[in-house]
Protein backbone atom coordinates (compact mmCIF):
# COMPACT_ATOMS: atom_id res chain seq x y z
CA MET A 1 -11.49 18.84 7.14
CA THR A 2 -7.82 18.90 6.12
CA ASN A 3 -6.81 19.20 9.78
CA PHE A 4 -8.93 16.16 10.64
CA LEU A 5 -7.26 14.03 7.94
CA LYS A 6 -3.77 15.12 9.00
CA ASN A 7 -4.52 14.30 12.64
CA PHE A 8 -6.09 10.98 11.66
CA ALA A 9 -3.03 9.98 9.58
CA ALA A 10 -0.63 11.02 12.35
CA ASP A 11 -2.51 9.17 15.12
CA GLU A 12 -0.46 6.14 16.24
CA SER A 13 -2.66 4.79 19.02
CA GLY A 14 -3.99 2.05 16.73
CA ALA A 15 -0.46 0.99 15.88
CA SER A 16 0.37 0.19 19.49
CA ALA A 17 -2.82 -1.85 19.81
CA ALA A 18 -1.84 -3.83 16.72
CA GLU A 19 1.63 -4.42 18.17
CA TYR A 20 0.14 -5.75 21.39
CA ALA A 21 -2.13 -8.04 19.40
CA LEU A 22 0.84 -9.34 17.43
CA ILE A 23 2.77 -10.00 20.65
CA LEU A 24 -0.22 -11.89 22.06
CA VAL A 25 -0.43 -14.03 18.93
CA VAL A 26 3.28 -14.91 19.08
CA VAL A 27 3.11 -15.77 22.78
CA GLY A 28 -0.06 -17.80 22.21
CA LEU A 29 1.58 -19.80 19.44
CA GLY A 30 4.56 -20.46 21.71
CA ILE A 31 2.26 -21.79 24.41
CA VAL A 32 0.43 -24.05 21.94
CA LEU A 33 3.72 -25.39 20.55
CA ALA A 34 5.06 -26.08 24.05
CA ALA A 35 1.84 -27.81 25.11
CA THR A 36 1.85 -29.99 22.01
CA THR A 37 5.46 -31.02 22.57
CA LEU A 38 4.92 -31.70 26.25
CA SER A 39 1.78 -33.73 25.61
CA GLY A 40 3.75 -36.10 23.40
CA SER A 41 6.51 -36.45 25.98
CA ILE A 42 4.05 -37.01 28.81
CA SER A 43 2.14 -39.56 26.75
CA ASN A 44 5.35 -41.50 26.05
CA ALA A 45 6.33 -41.41 29.73
CA ILE A 46 2.93 -42.74 30.79
CA GLN A 47 3.08 -45.52 28.19
CA ASP A 48 6.58 -46.51 29.36
CA THR A 49 5.39 -46.53 32.95
CA SER A 50 2.35 -48.63 32.10
CA LYS A 51 4.70 -51.28 30.69
CA CYS A 52 6.25 -51.60 34.16
CA ILE A 53 2.93 -52.11 35.92
CA ASP A 54 1.24 -55.46 35.73
CA PRO A 55 -2.39 -55.47 36.92
CA ASP A 56 -2.31 -59.23 37.64
CA GLY A 57 0.53 -58.91 40.13
CA ASP A 58 2.83 -61.46 38.53
CA SER A 59 5.29 -58.73 37.43
CA THR A 60 5.92 -59.99 33.93
CA GLY A 61 6.06 -56.48 32.48
CA THR A 62 9.38 -55.11 31.33
CA CYS A 63 10.58 -51.66 32.33
CA PRO A 64 12.55 -49.61 29.84
CA GLY A 65 16.13 -49.21 31.00
CA SER A 66 16.01 -52.04 33.50
CA THR A 67 17.62 -55.47 33.21
CA SER A 68 15.11 -57.27 35.41
CA THR A 69 11.70 -58.44 34.33
CA GLY A 70 10.11 -57.75 37.68
CA GLY A 71 9.24 -59.97 40.57
CA ASN A 72 10.34 -59.85 44.19
């Protein structure tokens, strides 16, 4: 029984599994953080673009960064 307890205490195979799990958690959090940041940037870009598009065709929308108000 003493041999079993010594072998059980010295076994490190569970430690490597825990390390892999920790790495997966860190990588997963990085992906979530990046996706959240990108979603805000993409949302802002789409909103800015929608300001340039006028569904009626009279081109009265203003585009960020441009000096013209549209038209041909």
